[in-house]
Amino acid sequence: ENIVLEPVQKLLQEAGIRAPVDSREYVVGSDNSIKVQRPFDFQAWEMQRKNPDRYWATLGNTLGNSSMLHRLQGPLLLLNFVAAAVLFYDVNLVPQGLPALVLPSLPFTLSSFVLGLLV
């Protein structure tokens, strides 16, 4: 979103090109997909501190509104499918005479500290 001088802001609002700042909840031109981040001033901070349910609200917003969970759905679904396929192979097909799948441990040992940073 572009930040403009106050006279230009008023001109754009009067022309109907730009909604007043207080009435917007989404970034202009984002098809209501990008929320506007309101500035956190002292009054908002004081009201937040007086609210005893703020911890539950923060936890609910983190789990319910987080875009990280939506972005991880695809990779985690693929990971679960691969893990289920390997488990099925190991439990049902290896006892019937198929070779067991074995991976060398050296690449995982060398990269474990880097993979630990992804968590």
N, C-alpha and C. Protein backbone atom coordinates (compact mmCIF):
# COMPACT_ATOMS: atom_id res chain seq x y z
N GLU A 1 0.85 -1.17 0.00
CA GLU A 1 0.00 0.00 0.00
C GLU A 1 0.89 1.23 0.00
N ASN A 2 0.52 2.20 -0.78
CA ASN A 2 1.30 3.43 -0.88
C ASN A 2 0.94 4.40 0.22
N ILE A 3 1.93 5.05 0.77
CA ILE A 3 1.72 6.09 1.77
C ILE A 3 1.89 7.42 1.05
N VAL A 4 0.88 8.27 1.17
CA VAL A 4 0.91 9.56 0.47
C VAL A 4 0.72 10.68 1.48
N LEU A 5 1.02 11.90 1.06
CA LEU A 5 0.84 13.06 1.92
C LEU A 5 -0.64 13.28 2.22
N GLU A 6 -0.92 13.95 3.31
CA GLU A 6 -2.29 14.16 3.77
C GLU A 6 -3.19 14.83 2.73
N PRO A 7 -2.75 15.89 2.02
CA PRO A 7 -3.64 16.48 1.00
C PRO A 7 -3.96 15.50 -0.14
N VAL A 8 -2.98 14.72 -0.54
CA VAL A 8 -3.22 13.73 -1.59
C VAL A 8 -4.15 12.64 -1.08
N GLN A 9 -3.99 12.25 0.17
CA GLN A 9 -4.87 11.24 0.79
C GLN A 9 -6.31 11.73 0.76
N LYS A 10 -6.55 12.98 1.17
CA LYS A 10 -7.91 13.52 1.17
C LYS A 10 -8.48 13.61 -0.24
N LEU A 11 -7.66 14.01 -1.20
CA LEU A 11 -8.11 14.10 -2.59
C LEU A 11 -8.53 12.72 -3.11
N LEU A 12 -7.73 11.72 -2.81
CA LEU A 12 -8.06 10.36 -3.26
C LEU A 12 -9.32 9.84 -2.58
N GLN A 13 -9.51 10.18 -1.30
CA GLN A 13 -10.72 9.75 -0.60
C GLN A 13 -11.95 10.43 -1.16
N GLU A 14 -11.85 11.72 -1.45
CA GLU A 14 -12.99 12.46 -2.01
C GLU A 14 -13.34 11.95 -3.41
N ALA A 15 -12.34 11.51 -4.16
CA ALA A 15 -12.59 10.99 -5.50
C ALA A 15 -13.11 9.56 -5.46
N GLY A 16 -13.08 8.93 -4.30
CA GLY A 16 -13.57 7.56 -4.18
C GLY A 16 -12.57 6.51 -4.61
N ILE A 17 -11.34 6.94 -4.86
CA ILE A 17 -10.31 5.99 -5.28
C ILE A 17 -9.74 5.24 -4.07
N ARG A 18 -9.70 5.91 -2.96
CA ARG A 18 -9.11 5.32 -1.77
C ARG A 18 -10.08 5.47 -0.61
N ALA A 19 -10.32 4.37 0.11
CA ALA A 19 -11.22 4.41 1.26
C ALA A 19 -10.53 5.08 2.44
N PRO A 20 -11.30 5.69 3.33
CA PRO A 20 -10.69 6.27 4.53
C PRO A 20 -9.93 5.21 5.32
N VAL A 21 -8.86 5.61 5.94
CA VAL A 21 -7.99 4.68 6.65
C VAL A 21 -8.75 3.91 7.72
N ASP A 22 -9.64 4.57 8.45
CA ASP A 22 -10.36 3.91 9.54
C ASP A 22 -11.35 2.86 9.05
N SER A 23 -11.82 2.97 7.82
CA SER A 23 -12.83 2.03 7.34
C SER A 23 -12.21 0.81 6.66
N ARG A 24 -10.91 0.83 6.39
CA ARG A 24 -10.29 -0.29 5.69
C ARG A 24 -9.86 -1.37 6.66
N GLU A 25 -10.10 -2.60 6.27
CA GLU A 25 -9.56 -3.73 7.02
C GLU A 25 -8.65 -4.58 6.14
N TYR A 26 -8.67 -4.32 4.84
CA TYR A 26 -7.82 -5.05 3.91
C TYR A 26 -7.05 -4.07 3.04
N VAL A 27 -5.92 -4.49 2.55
CA VAL A 27 -5.11 -3.65 1.69
C VAL A 27 -5.87 -3.41 0.39
N VAL A 28 -5.86 -2.18 -0.07
CA VAL A 28 -6.56 -1.81 -1.29
C VAL A 28 -5.96 -2.57 -2.47
N GLY A 29 -6.83 -3.14 -3.30
CA GLY A 29 -6.38 -3.86 -4.49
C GLY A 29 -5.94 -5.28 -4.23
N SER A 30 -6.16 -5.81 -3.03
CA SER A 30 -5.72 -7.17 -2.73
C SER A 30 -6.87 -8.16 -2.78
N ASP A 31 -8.04 -7.73 -3.25
CA ASP A 31 -9.23 -8.59 -3.29
C ASP A 31 -9.55 -9.15 -1.90
N ASN A 32 -9.37 -8.30 -0.89
CA ASN A 32 -9.65 -8.66 0.51
C ASN A 32 -8.89 -9.90 0.96
N SER A 33 -7.64 -10.00 0.56
CA SER A 33 -6.84 -11.15 0.96
C SER A 33 -5.68 -10.76 1.88
N ILE A 34 -5.27 -9.48 1.88
CA ILE A 34 -4.17 -9.05 2.73
C ILE A 34 -4.72 -8.08 3.77
N LYS A 35 -4.65 -8.49 5.04
CA LYS A 35 -5.18 -7.65 6.10
C LYS A 35 -4.25 -6.48 6.38
N VAL A 36 -4.86 -5.35 6.72
CA VAL A 36 -4.10 -4.15 7.09
C VAL A 36 -3.63 -4.33 8.53
N GLN A 37 -2.37 -4.07 8.76
CA GLN A 37 -1.82 -4.15 10.10
C GLN A 37 -1.96 -2.78 10.76
N ARG A 38 -2.81 -2.68 11.75
CA ARG A 38 -3.01 -1.42 12.45
C ARG A 38 -1.82 -1.11 13.36
N PRO A 39 -1.45 0.16 13.48
CA PRO A 39 -0.35 0.50 14.39
C PRO A 39 -0.76 0.25 15.84
N PHE A 40 0.16 -0.23 16.64
CA PHE A 40 -0.10 -0.56 18.04
C PHE A 40 0.40 0.58 18.89
N ASP A 41 -0.53 1.43 19.36
CA ASP A 41 -0.14 2.59 20.16
C ASP A 41 -0.32 2.28 21.64
N PHE A 42 -0.10 3.29 22.48
CA PHE A 42 -0.16 3.07 23.93
C PHE A 42 -1.56 2.70 24.40
N GLN A 43 -2.60 3.32 23.83
CA GLN A 43 -3.98 2.99 24.25
C GLN A 43 -4.32 1.55 23.90
N ALA A 44 -3.93 1.11 22.73
CA ALA A 44 -4.19 -0.28 22.36
C ALA A 44 -3.40 -1.23 23.26
N TRP A 45 -2.18 -0.86 23.62
CA TRP A 45 -1.37 -1.68 24.51
C TRP A 45 -2.00 -1.77 25.89
N GLU A 46 -2.49 -0.63 26.42
CA GLU A 46 -3.10 -0.62 27.75
C GLU A 46 -4.37 -1.46 27.77
N MET A 47 -5.19 -1.36 26.72
CA MET A 47 -6.41 -2.15 26.64
C MET A 47 -6.06 -3.65 26.54
N GLN A 48 -5.01 -3.96 25.81
CA GLN A 48 -4.58 -5.35 25.68
C GLN A 48 -4.11 -5.90 27.02
N ARG A 49 -3.39 -5.10 27.79
CA ARG A 49 -2.88 -5.55 29.09
C ARG A 49 -4.00 -5.80 30.09
N LYS A 50 -5.13 -5.06 29.98
CA LYS A 50 -6.24 -5.22 30.92
C LYS A 50 -7.12 -6.42 30.59
N ASN A 51 -6.95 -6.99 29.42
CA ASN A 51 -7.78 -8.11 28.99
C ASN A 51 -7.18 -9.43 29.49
N PRO A 52 -7.85 -10.13 30.43
CA PRO A 52 -7.27 -11.38 30.95
C PRO A 52 -7.33 -12.53 29.95
N ASP A 53 -8.19 -12.44 28.95
CA ASP A 53 -8.30 -13.52 27.97
C ASP A 53 -7.35 -13.35 26.79
N ARG A 54 -6.38 -12.44 26.92
CA ARG A 54 -5.51 -12.15 25.78
C ARG A 54 -4.64 -13.35 25.42
N TYR A 55 -4.31 -14.18 26.41
CA TYR A 55 -3.47 -15.34 26.11
C TYR A 55 -4.23 -16.35 25.24
N TRP A 56 -5.49 -16.58 25.59
CA TRP A 56 -6.30 -17.52 24.80
C TRP A 56 -6.58 -16.96 23.40
N ALA A 57 -6.81 -15.66 23.32
CA ALA A 57 -7.06 -15.04 22.02
C ALA A 57 -5.81 -15.12 21.14
N THR A 58 -4.64 -14.88 21.74
CA THR A 58 -3.40 -14.97 20.97
C THR A 58 -3.15 -16.39 20.50
N LEU A 59 -3.39 -17.36 21.36
CA LEU A 59 -3.21 -18.76 20.97
C LEU A 59 -4.19 -19.15 19.87
N GLY A 60 -5.45 -18.71 20.00
CA GLY A 60 -6.44 -19.01 18.97
C GLY A 60 -6.11 -18.37 17.64
N ASN A 61 -5.63 -17.12 17.66
CA ASN A 61 -5.23 -16.45 16.42
C ASN A 61 -4.01 -17.10 15.79
N THR A 62 -3.09 -17.56 16.63
CA THR A 62 -1.89 -18.21 16.10
C THR A 62 -2.24 -19.51 15.40
N LEU A 63 -3.12 -20.29 16.00
CA LEU A 63 -3.48 -21.58 15.40
C LEU A 63 -4.53 -21.43 14.31
N GLY A 64 -5.43 -20.48 14.45
CA GLY A 64 -6.53 -20.37 13.50
C GLY A 64 -6.27 -19.46 12.32
N ASN A 65 -5.49 -18.42 12.51
CA ASN A 65 -5.28 -17.44 11.44
C ASN A 65 -3.88 -17.47 10.86
N SER A 66 -3.08 -18.42 11.28
CA SER A 66 -1.69 -18.44 10.83
C SER A 66 -1.61 -18.91 9.39
N SER A 67 -0.88 -18.18 8.58
CA SER A 67 -0.69 -18.61 7.20
C SER A 67 0.36 -19.72 7.11
N MET A 68 1.16 -19.87 8.16
CA MET A 68 2.17 -20.91 8.15
C MET A 68 1.54 -22.30 8.08
N LEU A 69 0.45 -22.50 8.81
CA LEU A 69 -0.21 -23.80 8.78
C LEU A 69 -0.76 -24.11 7.41
N HIS A 70 -1.29 -23.10 6.72
CA HIS A 70 -1.81 -23.31 5.38
C HIS A 70 -0.68 -23.61 4.39
N ARG A 71 0.45 -22.96 4.57
CA ARG A 71 1.58 -23.19 3.67
C ARG A 71 2.22 -24.55 3.89
N LEU A 72 2.11 -25.10 5.10
CA LEU A 72 2.73 -26.38 5.39
C LEU A 72 1.83 -27.57 5.09
N GLN A 73 0.57 -27.35 4.76
CA GLN A 73 -0.35 -28.46 4.54
C GLN A 73 0.12 -29.39 3.43
N GLY A 74 0.53 -28.84 2.30
CA GLY A 74 0.97 -29.66 1.17
C GLY A 74 2.20 -30.49 1.49
N PRO A 75 3.29 -29.87 1.96
CA PRO A 75 4.48 -30.68 2.29
C PRO A 75 4.23 -31.71 3.38
N LEU A 76 3.44 -31.37 4.40
CA LEU A 76 3.16 -32.34 5.45
C LEU A 76 2.29 -33.49 4.96
N LEU A 77 1.35 -33.19 4.05
CA LEU A 77 0.52 -34.25 3.49
C LEU A 77 1.39 -35.21 2.67
N LEU A 78 2.28 -34.69 1.87
CA LEU A 78 3.20 -35.53 1.09
C LEU A 78 4.08 -36.36 2.02
N LEU A 79 4.61 -35.74 3.06
CA LEU A 79 5.45 -36.46 4.02
C LEU A 79 4.69 -37.60 4.68
N ASN A 80 3.43 -37.36 5.04
CA ASN A 80 2.62 -38.42 5.66
C ASN A 80 2.33 -39.54 4.68
N PHE A 81 2.07 -39.23 3.42
CA PHE A 81 1.83 -40.27 2.42
C PHE A 81 3.08 -41.13 2.20
N VAL A 82 4.24 -40.48 2.12
CA VAL A 82 5.49 -41.24 1.95
C VAL A 82 5.74 -42.12 3.17
N ALA A 83 5.53 -41.59 4.38
CA ALA A 83 5.74 -42.37 5.59
C ALA A 83 4.77 -43.55 5.65
N ALA A 84 3.52 -43.35 5.25
CA ALA A 84 2.55 -44.45 5.24
C ALA A 84 2.93 -45.51 4.21
N ALA A 85 3.44 -45.08 3.05
CA ALA A 85 3.85 -46.04 2.02
C ALA A 85 5.06 -46.86 2.50
N VAL A 86 6.02 -46.22 3.13
CA VAL A 86 7.19 -46.93 3.65
C VAL A 86 6.77 -47.90 4.75
N LEU A 87 5.88 -47.49 5.62
CA LEU A 87 5.39 -48.38 6.68
C LEU A 87 4.66 -49.57 6.08
N PHE A 88 3.80 -49.34 5.09
CA PHE A 88 3.08 -50.43 4.43
C PHE A 88 4.07 -51.40 3.79
N TYR A 89 5.08 -50.87 3.11
CA TYR A 89 6.09 -51.71 2.46
C TYR A 89 6.83 -52.53 3.50
N ASP A 90 7.24 -51.89 4.60
CA ASP A 90 8.03 -52.57 5.62
C ASP A 90 7.23 -53.64 6.36
N VAL A 91 5.97 -53.36 6.64
CA VAL A 91 5.16 -54.29 7.42
C VAL A 91 4.58 -55.42 6.57
N ASN A 92 4.15 -55.11 5.34
CA ASN A 92 3.42 -56.10 4.56
C ASN A 92 4.23 -56.75 3.44
N LEU A 93 5.14 -56.03 2.82
CA LEU A 93 5.81 -56.56 1.65
C LEU A 93 7.18 -57.16 1.94
N VAL A 94 7.90 -56.64 2.93
CA VAL A 94 9.20 -57.21 3.28
C VAL A 94 9.06 -58.63 3.82
N PRO A 95 8.06 -58.94 4.68
CA PRO A 95 7.92 -60.34 5.13
C PRO A 95 7.60 -61.32 3.99
N GLN A 96 7.09 -60.83 2.88
CA GLN A 96 6.78 -61.71 1.76
C GLN A 96 7.99 -61.94 0.86
N GLY A 97 9.14 -61.38 1.17
CA GLY A 97 10.35 -61.66 0.43
C GLY A 97 10.92 -60.50 -0.35
N LEU A 98 10.28 -59.36 -0.37
CA LEU A 98 10.86 -58.20 -1.06
C LEU A 98 12.02 -57.65 -0.24
N PRO A 99 13.00 -57.04 -0.90
CA PRO A 99 14.16 -56.52 -0.14
C PRO A 99 13.77 -55.33 0.75
N ALA A 100 14.42 -55.26 1.89
CA ALA A 100 14.18 -54.14 2.81
C ALA A 100 14.85 -52.88 2.28
N LEU A 101 14.21 -51.76 2.48
CA LEU A 101 14.77 -50.47 2.06
C LEU A 101 15.68 -49.95 3.17
N VAL A 102 16.94 -49.68 2.81
CA VAL A 102 17.91 -49.18 3.78
C VAL A 102 18.61 -47.96 3.18
N LEU A 103 18.67 -46.89 3.94
CA LEU A 103 19.37 -45.68 3.52
C LEU A 103 20.64 -45.53 4.33
N PRO A 104 21.71 -45.01 3.74
CA PRO A 104 22.93 -44.77 4.52
C PRO A 104 22.69 -43.66 5.55
N SER A 105 23.30 -43.81 6.71
CA SER A 105 23.06 -42.84 7.78
C SER A 105 23.97 -41.62 7.69
N LEU A 106 25.04 -41.65 6.91
CA LEU A 106 25.99 -40.56 6.85
C LEU A 106 25.37 -39.23 6.40
N PRO A 107 24.56 -39.18 5.33
CA PRO A 107 23.97 -37.88 4.96
C PRO A 107 23.07 -37.28 6.05
N PHE A 108 22.35 -38.13 6.76
CA PHE A 108 21.49 -37.64 7.83
C PHE A 108 22.30 -37.17 9.03
N THR A 109 23.42 -37.82 9.28
CA THR A 109 24.30 -37.42 10.38
C THR A 109 24.93 -36.06 10.10
N LEU A 110 25.38 -35.87 8.86
CA LEU A 110 26.04 -34.60 8.51
C LEU A 110 25.08 -33.43 8.44
N SER A 111 23.84 -33.70 8.08
CA SER A 111 22.89 -32.60 7.89
C SER A 111 21.91 -32.44 9.05
N SER A 112 22.06 -33.21 10.11
CA SER A 112 21.09 -33.18 11.20
C SER A 112 21.05 -31.80 11.90
N PHE A 113 22.20 -31.18 12.09
CA PHE A 113 22.21 -29.88 12.77
C PHE A 113 21.53 -28.81 11.92
N VAL A 114 21.67 -28.88 10.60
CA VAL A 114 21.02 -27.91 9.72
C VAL A 114 19.52 -28.17 9.68
N LEU A 115 19.12 -29.44 9.62
CA LEU A 115 17.70 -29.77 9.60
C LEU A 115 17.04 -29.40 10.92
N GLY A 116 17.79 -29.45 12.02
CA GLY A 116 17.25 -29.04 13.30
C GLY A 116 16.92 -27.56 13.36
N LEU A 117 17.57 -26.74 12.55
CA LEU A 117 17.28 -25.30 12.52
C LEU A 117 15.97 -25.01 11.80
N LEU A 118 15.48 -25.95 11.01
CA LEU A 118 14.22 -25.73 10.29
C LEU A 118 13.01 -25.84 11.20
N VAL A 119 13.17 -26.40 12.35
CA VAL A 119 12.03 -26.59 13.26
C VAL A 119 11.68 -25.32 13.96
